[in-house]
Protein backbone atom coordinates (compact mmCIF):
# COMPACT_ATOMS: atom_id res chain seq x y z
CA MET A 1 -0.21 0.31 0.29
CA MET A 2 3.06 2.41 0.94
CA LYS A 3 4.77 2.00 -2.15
CA GLU A 4 1.61 1.99 -4.69
CA LEU A 5 1.02 5.30 -2.74
CA VAL A 6 4.58 7.14 -3.45
CA GLU A 7 4.57 5.75 -6.99
CA TYR A 8 1.35 7.19 -7.85
CA ILE A 9 2.26 10.40 -6.04
CA SER A 10 5.84 10.70 -7.89
CA LYS A 11 4.11 9.60 -11.72
CA SER A 12 1.75 12.54 -11.48
CA ILE A 13 4.06 15.02 -10.53
CA VAL A 14 7.41 14.09 -12.55
CA SER A 15 7.71 15.08 -15.96
CA ALA A 16 8.97 11.46 -16.69
CA PRO A 17 6.63 9.19 -15.42
CA ASN A 18 8.06 5.96 -16.86
CA ASP A 19 11.42 6.39 -14.58
CA VAL A 20 9.88 6.63 -11.36
CA LYS A 21 10.96 3.47 -9.78
CA VAL A 22 10.46 2.92 -6.35
CA THR A 23 11.13 -0.50 -3.70
CA GLU A 24 10.62 -1.20 -0.90
CA GLU A 25 13.12 -3.04 2.06
CA THR A 26 12.49 -4.10 5.98
CA ASP A 27 14.89 -3.13 8.14
CA SER A 28 15.05 -3.48 11.84
CA GLY A 29 13.38 0.55 12.25
CA GLY A 30 10.51 -0.70 9.99
CA VAL A 31 9.96 -0.01 6.36
CA VAL A 32 12.45 1.58 3.65
CA ILE A 33 10.81 3.40 0.99
CA LYS A 34 13.52 4.13 -1.66
CA LEU A 35 12.11 6.52 -4.61
CA GLU A 36 14.67 7.36 -7.54
CA VAL A 37 13.36 9.77 -10.38
CA ASN A 38 14.77 11.29 -12.78
CA ALA A 39 17.56 13.65 -12.41
CA GLU A 40 15.45 16.39 -14.19
CA ASP A 41 12.61 15.70 -11.99
CA LYS A 42 14.61 15.79 -8.63
CA GLY A 43 13.20 19.10 -7.80
CA ARG A 44 9.88 18.55 -8.55
CA VAL A 45 9.92 15.91 -5.89
CA ILE A 46 11.25 17.16 -3.19
CA GLY A 47 9.28 20.69 -4.29
CA LYS A 48 10.53 23.89 -2.64
CA GLN A 49 12.24 23.66 0.70
CA GLY A 50 11.20 20.57 0.85
CA ARG A 51 7.71 20.07 1.09
CA VAL A 52 5.91 18.05 -1.22
CA ALA A 53 9.07 15.24 0.00
CA GLU A 54 7.67 16.58 3.56
CA ALA A 55 3.68 15.84 2.85
CA MET A 56 4.57 12.54 1.15
CA ARG A 57 5.85 11.44 4.64
CA THR A 58 3.72 12.88 6.27
CA LEU A 59 1.16 10.18 4.52
CA LEU A 60 3.41 7.51 5.07
CA ARG A 61 3.15 7.67 8.49
CA VAL A 62 -0.39 7.92 8.76
CA VAL A 63 -0.22 4.74 6.84
CA ALA A 64 2.67 3.08 8.76
CA THR A 65 0.84 4.11 12.34
CA LYS A 66 -1.96 2.19 10.84
CA GLU A 67 -0.63 -0.39 9.78
CA GLY A 68 1.20 -0.66 13.69
CA THR A 69 5.10 -0.44 11.71
CA ARG A 70 7.39 2.93 11.07
CA VAL A 71 8.29 3.78 7.64
CA ARG A 72 11.08 5.96 6.35
CA LEU A 73 11.13 7.76 2.58
CA GLU A 74 14.13 8.25 1.18
CA ILE A 75 14.75 10.04 -2.10
CA VAL A 76 17.83 8.50 -3.91
């Protein structure tokens, strides 16, 4: 659910949606979601002063809390 959410949001705001790659890993701290986008789209995903990235992290925290886990979003 969390991976699909990040993928949907990212593909909606970038100019090269085919370059969006989202991977989900589990470690001792919970779930780690890694988001890869085209270099030109990195600014769009992060947003001004990190607002878009922070909004995605907030949404992920809500989903993770419902599922009883922790989540981290990494933009690589």
